[in-house]
Each structure stands twice: as structure tokens, then as C-alpha cells.
C-alpha atoms as a PDB file:
ATOM      1  CA  UNK A   1     107.189  73.094 122.022  1.00  0.00           C
ATOM      2  CA  UNK A   2     104.416  74.966 123.831  1.00  0.00           C
ATOM      3  CA  UNK A   3     102.647  77.741 121.960  1.00  0.00           C
ATOM      4  CA  UNK A   4     102.537  81.215 123.513  1.00  0.00           C
ATOM      5  CA  UNK A   5      99.355  81.605 125.561  1.00  0.00           C
ATOM      6  CA  UNK A   6      97.719  84.567 123.809  1.00  0.00           C
ATOM      7  CA  UNK A   7      95.542  83.716 120.797  1.00  0.00           C
ATOM      8  CA  UNK A   8      93.070  86.191 119.290  1.00  0.00           C
ATOM      9  CA  UNK A   9      89.802  84.526 118.266  1.00  0.00           C
ATOM     10  CA  UNK A  10      87.441  87.347 117.264  1.00  0.00           C
ATOM     11  CA  UNK A  11      87.362  90.216 114.809  1.00  0.00           C
ATOM     12  CA  UNK A  12      87.281  93.697 116.292  1.00  0.00           C
ATOM     13  CA  UNK A  13      86.957  97.266 115.066  1.00  0.00           C
ATOM     14  CA  UNK A  14      90.425  98.777 115.108  1.00  0.00           C
ATOM     15  CA  UNK A  15      91.281 102.362 114.251  1.00  0.00           C
ATOM     16  CA  UNK A  16      91.811 102.434 110.460  1.00  0.00           C
ATOM     17  CA  UNK A  17      95.099 103.102 108.707  1.00  0.00           C
ATOM     18  CA  UNK A  18      95.468 103.882 105.047  1.00  0.00           C
ATOM     19  CA  UNK A  19      96.388 106.085 102.121  1.00  0.00           C
ATOM     20  CA  UNK A  20      94.393 108.686 100.222  1.00  0.00           C
ATOM     21  CA  UNK A  21      96.089 109.800  97.022  1.00  0.00           C
ATOM     22  CA  UNK A  22      95.159 112.049  94.146  1.00  0.00           C
ATOM     23  CA  UNK A  23      96.190 114.929  91.884  1.00  0.00           C
ATOM     24  CA  UNK A  24      97.005 118.422  93.173  1.00  0.00           C
ATOM     25  CA  UNK A  25      93.975 120.425  94.257  1.00  0.00           C
ATOM     26  CA  UNK A  26      91.600 117.468  94.589  1.00  0.00           C
ATOM     27  CA  UNK A  27      91.132 118.118  98.320  1.00  0.00           C
ATOM     28  CA  UNK A  28      93.442 115.655 100.061  1.00  0.00           C
ATOM     29  CA  UNK A  29      94.384 118.002 102.898  1.00  0.00           C
ATOM     30  CA  UNK A  30      90.759 119.078 103.298  1.00  0.00           C
ATOM     31  CA  UNK A  31      89.811 115.389 103.601  1.00  0.00           C
ATOM     32  CA  UNK A  32      92.383 114.976 106.370  1.00  0.00           C
ATOM     33  CA  UNK A  33      91.159 118.085 108.155  1.00  0.00           C
ATOM     34  CA  UNK A  34      87.654 116.605 108.163  1.00  0.00           C
ATOM     35  CA  UNK A  35      88.691 113.397 109.944  1.00  0.00           C
ATOM     36  CA  UNK A  36      87.876 112.699 113.583  1.00  0.00           C
ATOM     37  CA  UNK A  37      89.693 115.257 115.784  1.00  0.00           C
ATOM     38  CA  UNK A  38      92.727 115.342 113.485  1.00  0.00           C
ATOM     39  CA  UNK A  39      96.293 116.535 113.825  1.00  0.00           C
ATOM     40  CA  UNK A  40      97.973 117.202 110.487  1.00  0.00           C
ATOM     41  CA  UNK A  41     101.699 116.442 110.445  1.00  0.00           C
ATOM     42  CA  UNK A  42     102.761 119.045 107.873  1.00  0.00           C
ATOM     43  CA  UNK A  43     105.687 117.703 105.847  1.00  0.00           C
ATOM     44  CA  UNK A  44     105.203 119.825 102.714  1.00  0.00           C
ATOM     45  CA  UNK A  45     104.079 123.244 103.977  1.00  0.00           C
ATOM     46  CA  UNK A  46     100.697 122.924 102.291  1.00  0.00           C
ATOM     47  CA  UNK A  47      98.210 122.886 105.176  1.00  0.00           C
ATOM     48  CA  UNK A  48      97.975 126.588 105.993  1.00  0.00           C
ATOM     49  CA  UNK A  49      94.562 126.909 104.314  1.00  0.00           C
ATOM     50  CA  UNK A  50      92.759 124.368 106.494  1.00  0.00           C
ATOM     51  CA  UNK A  51      91.195 124.984 109.886  1.00  0.00           C
ATOM     52  CA  UNK A  52      92.364 122.244 112.224  1.00  0.00           C
ATOM     53  CA  UNK A  53      95.283 121.483 114.498  1.00  0.00           C
ATOM     54  CA  UNK A  54      98.542 120.993 112.638  1.00  0.00           C
ATOM     55  CA  UNK A  55     102.241 120.898 113.335  1.00  0.00           C
ATOM     56  CA  UNK A  56     104.613 123.586 112.114  1.00  0.00           C
ATOM     57  CA  UNK A  57     106.136 122.842 108.714  1.00  0.00           C
ATOM     58  CA  UNK A  58     108.567 119.982 109.370  1.00  0.00           C
ATOM     59  CA  UNK A  59     111.375 120.315 106.843  1.00  0.00           C
ATOM     60  CA  UNK A  60     113.699 117.525 107.987  1.00  0.00           C
ATOM     61  CA  UNK A  61     113.534 113.961 109.261  1.00  0.00           C
ATOM     62  CA  UNK A  62     114.626 114.609 112.884  1.00  0.00           C
ATOM     63  CA  UNK A  63     111.768 117.106 113.293  1.00  0.00           C
ATOM     64  CA  UNK A  64     109.271 114.653 111.779  1.00  0.00           C
ATOM     65  CA  UNK A  65     110.523 111.803 113.958  1.00  0.00           C
ATOM     66  CA  UNK A  66     110.188 113.900 117.109  1.00  0.00           C
ATOM     67  CA  UNK A  67     106.482 114.385 116.383  1.00  0.00           C
ATOM     68  CA  UNK A  68     105.920 110.728 115.474  1.00  0.00           C
ATOM     69  CA  UNK A  69     107.560 109.572 118.705  1.00  0.00           C
ATOM     70  CA  UNK A  70     105.406 111.949 120.743  1.00  0.00           C
ATOM     71  CA  UNK A  71     102.205 110.851 119.006  1.00  0.00           C
ATOM     72  CA  UNK A  72     103.068 107.169 119.479  1.00  0.00           C
ATOM     73  CA  UNK A  73     103.561 107.886 123.179  1.00  0.00           C
ATOM     74  CA  UNK A  74      99.845 108.704 123.540  1.00  0.00           C
ATOM     75  CA  UNK A  75      98.163 111.100 125.931  1.00  0.00           C
ATOM     76  CA  UNK A  76      97.576 113.763 123.273  1.00  0.00           C
ATOM     77  CA  UNK A  77      93.811 113.439 122.766  1.00  0.00           C
ATOM     78  CA  UNK A  78      93.790 113.416 118.954  1.00  0.00           C
ATOM     79  CA  UNK A  79      91.594 110.943 117.084  1.00  0.00           C
ATOM     80  CA  UNK A  80      93.403 110.921 113.739  1.00  0.00           C
ATOM     81  CA  UNK A  81      97.003 111.530 112.702  1.00  0.00           C
ATOM     82  CA  UNK A  82      97.191 112.817 109.128  1.00  0.00           C
ATOM     83  CA  UNK A  83     100.582 112.745 107.377  1.00  0.00           C
ATOM     84  CA  UNK A  84     100.623 115.468 104.710  1.00  0.00           C
ATOM     85  CA  UNK A  85     102.175 114.045 102.716  1.00  0.00           C
ATOM     86  CA  UNK A  86     103.777 110.619 103.007  1.00  0.00           C
ATOM     87  CA  UNK A  87     105.775 111.110  99.788  1.00  0.00           C
ATOM     88  CA  UNK A  88     107.383 114.224 101.282  1.00  0.00           C
ATOM     89  CA  UNK A  89     107.961 112.434 104.601  1.00  0.00           C
ATOM     90  CA  UNK A  90     109.769 109.626 102.803  1.00  0.00           C
ATOM     91  CA  UNK A  91     111.816 112.142 100.828  1.00  0.00           C
ATOM     92  CA  UNK A  92     112.986 113.746 104.097  1.00  0.00           C
ATOM     93  CA  UNK A  93     113.891 110.293 105.394  1.00  0.00           C
ATOM     94  CA  UNK A  94     115.798 109.579 102.175  1.00  0.00           C
ATOM     95  CA  UNK A  95     117.741 112.841 102.593  1.00  0.00           C
ATOM     96  CA  UNK A  96     118.582 111.884 106.176  1.00  0.00           C
ATOM     97  CA  UNK A  97     119.773 108.408 105.188  1.00  0.00           C
ATOM     98  CA  UNK A  98     121.819 109.833 102.287  1.00  0.00           C
ATOM     99  CA  UNK A  99     123.480 112.475 104.461  1.00  0.00           C
ATOM    100  CA  UNK A 100     122.069 115.384 102.457  1.00  0.00           C
ATOM    101  CA  UNK A 101     122.805 118.715 104.152  1.00  0.00           C
ATOM    102  CA  UNK A 102     122.507 122.394 103.296  1.00  0.00           C
ATOM    103  CA  UNK A 103     126.036 122.732 101.936  1.00  0.00           C
ATOM    104  CA  UNK A 104     127.751 122.268  98.584  1.00  0.00           C
ATOM    105  CA  UNK A 105     129.179 118.931  99.707  1.00  0.00           C
ATOM    106  CA  UNK A 106     125.972 117.818 101.406  1.00  0.00           C
ATOM    107  CA  UNK A 107     123.864 118.537  98.346  1.00  0.00           C
ATOM    108  CA  UNK A 108     125.949 116.072  96.316  1.00  0.00           C
ATOM    109  CA  UNK A 109     125.100 113.089  98.530  1.00  0.00           C
ATOM    110  CA  UNK A 110     123.015 110.289  96.995  1.00  0.00           C
ATOM    111  CA  UNK A 111     121.421 107.058  98.173  1.00  0.00           C
ATOM    112  CA  UNK A 112     123.679 104.955  95.948  1.00  0.00           C
ATOM    113  CA  UNK A 113     126.883 106.496  97.316  1.00  0.00           C
ATOM    114  CA  UNK A 114     125.873 106.566 100.983  1.00  0.00           C
ATOM    115  CA  UNK A 115     126.749 103.911 103.561  1.00  0.00           C
ATOM    116  CA  UNK A 116     129.710 102.593 101.614  1.00  0.00           C
ATOM    117  CA  UNK A 117     128.150 102.830  98.172  1.00  0.00           C
ATOM    118  CA  UNK A 118     126.904  99.975  96.005  1.00  0.00           C
ATOM    119  CA  UNK A 119     123.310 100.990  96.709  1.00  0.00           C
ATOM    120  CA  UNK A 120     123.603 100.263 100.437  1.00  0.00           C
ATOM    121  CA  UNK A 121     121.654 103.421 101.210  1.00  0.00           C
ATOM    122  CA  UNK A 122     118.513 101.884  99.724  1.00  0.00           C
ATOM    123  CA  UNK A 123     118.687  99.022 102.215  1.00  0.00           C
ATOM    124  CA  UNK A 124     119.211 101.455 105.093  1.00  0.00           C
ATOM    125  CA  UNK A 125     116.138 103.381 103.928  1.00  0.00           C
ATOM    126  CA  UNK A 126     114.124 100.148 103.971  1.00  0.00           C
ATOM    127  CA  UNK A 127     115.415  99.412 107.473  1.00  0.00           C
ATOM    128  CA  UNK A 128     114.058 102.730 108.712  1.00  0.00           C
ATOM    129  CA  UNK A 129     110.672 102.078 107.105  1.00  0.00           C
ATOM    130  CA  UNK A 130     110.302  98.452 108.242  1.00  0.00           C
ATOM    131  CA  UNK A 131     111.900  98.801 111.680  1.00  0.00           C
ATOM    132  CA  UNK A 132     110.885 102.334 112.698  1.00  0.00           C
ATOM    133  CA  UNK A 133     108.284 104.112 110.560  1.00  0.00           C
ATOM    134  CA  UNK A 134     105.628 101.410 110.133  1.00  0.00           C
ATOM    135  CA  UNK A 135     105.953 100.053 113.704  1.00  0.00           C
ATOM    136  CA  UNK A 136     105.623 103.604 115.046  1.00  0.00           C
ATOM    137  CA  UNK A 137     102.512 104.241 112.961  1.00  0.00           C
ATOM    138  CA  UNK A 138     101.131 100.909 114.198  1.00  0.00           C
ATOM    139  CA  UNK A 139     101.704 102.004 117.791  1.00  0.00           C
ATOM    140  CA  UNK A 140      99.549 105.032 117.042  1.00  0.00           C
ATOM    141  CA  UNK A 141      96.847 102.863 115.449  1.00  0.00           C
ATOM    142  CA  UNK A 142      96.897 100.312 118.267  1.00  0.00           C
ATOM    143  CA  UNK A 143      96.315 103.112 120.779  1.00  0.00           C
ATOM    144  CA  UNK A 144      92.975 103.817 119.073  1.00  0.00           C
ATOM    145  CA  UNK A 145      94.100 106.657 116.807  1.00  0.00           C
ATOM    146  CA  UNK A 146      93.481 106.453 113.053  1.00  0.00           C
ATOM    147  CA  UNK A 147      96.372 107.141 110.669  1.00  0.00           C
ATOM    148  CA  UNK A 148      95.803 108.673 107.233  1.00  0.00           C
ATOM    149  CA  UNK A 149      98.703 109.033 104.812  1.00  0.00           C
ATOM    150  CA  UNK A 150      98.022 111.621 102.118  1.00  0.00           C
ATOM    151  CA  UNK A 151      99.942 111.170  98.873  1.00  0.00           C
ATOM    152  CA  UNK A 152     100.213 112.699  95.448  1.00  0.00           C
ATOM    153  CA  UNK A 153      99.374 110.618  92.385  1.00  0.00           C
ATOM    154  CA  UNK A 154     101.710 109.249  89.760  1.00  0.00           C
ATOM    155  CA  UNK A 155     101.703 106.485  87.152  1.00  0.00           C
ATOM    156  CA  UNK A 156     103.109 103.089  88.138  1.00  0.00           C
ATOM    157  CA  UNK A 157     103.589  99.940  86.116  1.00  0.00           C
ATOM    158  CA  UNK A 158     101.567  97.234  87.890  1.00  0.00           C
ATOM    159  CA  UNK A 159     101.861  93.501  87.184  1.00  0.00           C
ATOM    160  CA  UNK A 160      98.851  91.322  87.991  1.00  0.00           C
ATOM    161  CA  UNK A 161      99.064  87.852  89.529  1.00  0.00           C
ATOM    162  CA  UNK A 162      98.499  86.504  86.008  1.00  0.00           C
ATOM    163  CA  UNK A 163     101.552  88.351  84.725  1.00  0.00           C
ATOM    164  CA  UNK A 164      99.705  91.066  82.805  1.00  0.00           C
ATOM    165  CA  UNK A 165     101.345  94.484  83.062  1.00  0.00           C
ATOM    166  CA  UNK A 166      99.497  97.797  82.955  1.00  0.00           C
ATOM    167  CA  UNK A 167     100.226 101.397  83.835  1.00  0.00           C
ATOM    168  CA  UNK A 168      97.908 102.741  86.540  1.00  0.00           C
ATOM    169  CA  UNK A 169      97.493 105.767  88.769  1.00  0.00           C
ATOM    170  CA  UNK A 170      99.043 105.025  92.158  1.00  0.00           C
ATOM    171  CA  UNK A 171     100.441 106.817  95.220  1.00  0.00           C
ATOM    172  CA  UNK A 172     103.621 108.737  94.420  1.00  0.00           C
ATOM    173  CA  UNK A 173     105.790 106.768  96.830  1.00  0.00           C
ATOM    174  CA  UNK A 174     109.433 105.711  96.408  1.00  0.00           C
ATOM    175  CA  UNK A 175     109.511 102.701  94.027  1.00  0.00           C
ATOM    176  CA  UNK A 176     111.328 100.569  96.610  1.00  0.00           C
ATOM    177  CA  UNK A 177     108.663 101.306  99.233  1.00  0.00           C
ATOM    178  CA  UNK A 178     105.326 101.668  97.474  1.00  0.00           C
ATOM    179  CA  UNK A 179     104.416  97.985  97.759  1.00  0.00           C
ATOM    180  CA  UNK A 180     105.047  97.689 101.495  1.00  0.00           C
ATOM    181  CA  UNK A 181     103.125 100.907 102.179  1.00  0.00           C
ATOM    182  CA  UNK A 182     100.145  99.554 100.230  1.00  0.00           C
ATOM    183  CA  UNK A 183     100.366  96.167 101.969  1.00  0.00           C
ATOM    184  CA  UNK A 184     100.444  97.888 105.388  1.00  0.00           C
ATOM    185  CA  UNK A 185      97.313  99.922 104.653  1.00  0.00           C
ATOM    186  CA  UNK A 186      93.737  98.905 105.467  1.00  0.00           C
ATOM    187  CA  UNK A 187      92.610 101.089 102.581  1.00  0.00           C
ATOM    188  CA  UNK A 188      94.156 102.811  99.594  1.00  0.00           C
ATOM    189  CA  UNK A 189      91.710 105.358  98.217  1.00  0.00           C
ATOM    190  CA  UNK A 190      92.110 107.097  94.866  1.00  0.00           C
ATOM    191  CA  UNK A 191      90.589 110.584  94.868  1.00  0.00           C
ATOM    192  CA  UNK A 192      88.986 111.751  91.627  1.00  0.00           C
ATOM    193  CA  UNK A 193      86.046 113.693  90.179  1.00  0.00           C
ATOM    194  CA  UNK A 194      83.113 111.804  88.716  1.00  0.00           C
ATOM    195  CA  UNK A 195      81.219 112.604  85.512  1.00  0.00           C
ATOM    196  CA  UNK A 196      79.345 115.371  87.342  1.00  0.00           C
ATOM    197  CA  UNK A 197      82.570 116.938  88.658  1.00  0.00           C
ATOM    198  CA  UNK A 198      81.832 115.700  92.193  1.00  0.00           C
ATOM    199  CA  UNK A 199      84.791 114.513  94.255  1.00  0.00           C
ATOM    200  CA  UNK A 200      84.753 110.854  95.241  1.00  0.00           C
ATOM    201  CA  UNK A 201      87.029 108.075  96.509  1.00  0.00           C
ATOM    202  CA  UNK A 202      87.614 104.806  94.667  1.00  0.00           C
ATOM    203  CA  UNK A 203      88.525 101.926  97.001  1.00  0.00           C
ATOM    204  CA  UNK A 204      88.703  99.043  94.529  1.00  0.00           C
ATOM    205  CA  UNK A 205      91.358  98.528  91.891  1.00  0.00           C
ATOM    206  CA  UNK A 206      90.300  99.351  88.349  1.00  0.00           C
ATOM    207  CA  UNK A 207      92.005  99.222  84.996  1.00  0.00           C
ATOM    208  CA  UNK A 208      93.134 102.810  85.543  1.00  0.00           C
ATOM    209  CA  UNK A 209      93.698 103.147  89.307  1.00  0.00           C
ATOM    210  CA  UNK A 210      95.391 101.194  92.062  1.00  0.00           C
ATOM    211  CA  UNK A 211      93.136 100.952  95.133  1.00  0.00           C
ATOM    212  CA  UNK A 212      92.132  98.471  97.849  1.00  0.00           C
ATOM    213  CA  UNK A 213      90.261  98.057 101.109  1.00  0.00           C
ATOM    214  CA  UNK A 214      89.874  95.392 103.776  1.00  0.00           C
ATOM    215  CA  UNK A 215      86.254  96.270 104.522  1.00  0.00           C
ATOM    216  CA  UNK A 216      84.393  94.885 101.523  1.00  0.00           C
ATOM    217  CA  UNK A 217      83.581  98.364 100.194  1.00  0.00           C
ATOM    218  CA  UNK A 218      82.704  97.845  96.531  1.00  0.00           C
ATOM    219  CA  UNK A 219      81.465 101.272  95.417  1.00  0.00           C
ATOM    220  CA  UNK A 220      82.957 104.741  95.160  1.00  0.00           C
ATOM    221  CA  UNK A 221      82.288 106.937  98.210  1.00  0.00           C
ATOM    222  CA  UNK A 222      81.867 110.672  98.716  1.00  0.00           C
ATOM    223  CA  UNK A 223      85.232 112.168  99.534  1.00  0.00           C
ATOM    224  CA  UNK A 224      84.795 112.694 103.252  1.00  0.00           C
ATOM    225  CA  UNK A 225      85.890 110.849 106.368  1.00  0.00           C
ATOM    226  CA  UNK A 226      82.355 110.290 107.656  1.00  0.00           C
ATOM    227  CA  UNK A 227      81.338 108.357 104.546  1.00  0.00           C
ATOM    228  CA  UNK A 228      84.427 106.151 104.748  1.00  0.00           C
ATOM    229  CA  UNK A 229      84.135 105.462 108.452  1.00  0.00           C
ATOM    230  CA  UNK A 230      80.429 104.623 108.212  1.00  0.00           C
ATOM    231  CA  UNK A 231      81.284 101.902 105.690  1.00  0.00           C
ATOM    232  CA  UNK A 232      84.108 100.628 107.885  1.00  0.00           C
ATOM    233  CA  UNK A 233      81.729 100.266 110.840  1.00  0.00           C
ATOM    234  CA  UNK A 234      79.094  98.622 108.645  1.00  0.00           C
ATOM    235  CA  UNK A 235      81.607  95.992 107.545  1.00  0.00           C
ATOM    236  CA  UNK A 236      82.297  94.728 111.054  1.00  0.00           C
ATOM    237  CA  UNK A 237      80.762  91.542 112.489  1.00  0.00           C
ATOM    238  CA  UNK A 238      77.879  92.014 114.922  1.00  0.00           C
ATOM    239  CA  UNK A 239      79.280  89.590 117.500  1.00  0.00           C
ATOM    240  CA  UNK A 240      80.910  90.923 120.645  1.00  0.00           C
ATOM    241  CA  UNK A 241      84.491  92.028 120.181  1.00  0.00           C
ATOM    242  CA  UNK A 242      87.626  91.467 122.192  1.00  0.00           C
ATOM    243  CA  UNK A 243      88.399  95.180 122.004  1.00  0.00           C
ATOM    244  CA  UNK A 244      86.182  98.221 122.367  1.00  0.00           C
ATOM    245  CA  UNK A 245      85.213  99.752 118.985  1.00  0.00           C
ATOM    246  CA  UNK A 246      86.602 103.218 118.334  1.00  0.00           C
ATOM    247  CA  UNK A 247      85.849 105.990 115.860  1.00  0.00           C
ATOM    248  CA  UNK A 248      89.538 106.796 115.738  1.00  0.00           C
ATOM    249  CA  UNK A 249      89.459 108.783 118.968  1.00  0.00           C
ATOM    250  CA  UNK A 250      92.181 108.074 121.506  1.00  0.00           C
ATOM    251  CA  UNK A 251      90.198 106.522 124.337  1.00  0.00           C
ATOM    252  CA  UNK A 252      93.324 106.375 126.499  1.00  0.00           C
ATOM    253  CA  UNK A 253      94.042 110.098 126.279  1.00  0.00           C
END
């Protein structure tokens, strides 16, 4: 059997995709507003205080999907798409899958009872995430536009590869989806304040916080997009690339 002809042989600097999570008031939305030419997709009606382009408050899944489809189509000129927040976006998707509507009957709908019951709604939710949401976000990334998913913080029980279990701070994402969202991300940054009350991002997992990055960043960074992107660029090989490096700007716009 002949292999398909296209084989990628070199590393290249792709627009980053990842999660920034933290407690209320730590500055997540402000971080997103400071990214490269950002558009904030406002899913929780909490971006009115920042000065940057943003969508209207999107209170249901069809409205959110309309914006995601348009952004994936390109030609908009933005450099970064900021989802504020991904936990609220996923809640709107869950409501859509469950059939929740603004009526007495609609308010009683649940994931477990939807789509024939027996928990089938949870599988339908996963289908939307695996087959629509993540591929659509990847279309945005592959067009040269960075994607930042803002999330609130919660406590999750995490089991290590050695079988040790610990409770850690983690993104407040649906338990059935948190792992795939983390796996999809190039970085998961935990926002916190250091001993001097200065805001910073942790990009490596600790005993208290879940975090990761694919760039070899091994220290906490100032909580701003420029500091993160400078480290991303620094991590790239110096050999010529198969694709043109991008700062997150849409070069095809």
C-alpha cells in the first residue's frame, strides 16, 4: 500500500492555542485584551470593562457557533480569538444538546434524559466537541490566528502516571471534557499572584496547579501576552521552516 505523498519534515512556528485559567478578578479578560489584535468572543457578559474589539454577549450556542464559523472562514483581520470563557461556552453547548429552553418544560431538561436517556446526551456533547468545536478552533489556528481559551479555576482530582492522586487547581471545564481540552492545548497557564502580589502565569504542573506547555518554558512568566509569545518564539528551532512564522496575526486576511 502506497503512503500518501505529503510528509512534514520540519518544525515550524504555528499560531499558539491554549488555556489561561485563574480565580475571579485575576485579570484573565485583560490578558486576552492584550493579545495580538484580539477579538473577544463574549460568552459570559464580562468583557465590557476592556478596550478591544469584542462580540455582543452571546447567550446561546447558535449565536456562539455563528461567530465561530465566521472566524474559521477567515478574512477578518484579527490576530487572536479569545473565548471568554470556555466554561461558559461549553455550558451553552450543554444546554443546546440537552434541549434547555426558556420555558417551564425546557428548564427541566437534563443531559442524562436527553437523546433517549441513559446518559446519551453526554456522548452527543462529546461529539460536538470532538467533531465540531475543536476542529473549528484548529481551522482558526491553522489560518495563522492564535486561540486563547479563558477559564475559571476549580479543584480537580488528578491521578499521575504512577497512580498517585492529588487535588489540584485546574480549569473549570466539564469533567467529561477537561482532559481533551488540555490535550488539545499547546499551553495551559495558571494565573496567580506571587509573594509580592504580582500577577504571573505558571506553565508547568506543580503539586498545587495543573499546567503544561509544549515550548519548554520552565519558569513562571509575567501575566501578559508579549511575555508568553516571546518565549514561544525563543523555543523554536533556528532552521528554515516549511511555513512562515506568525505572531498570531492572520496573514491571509
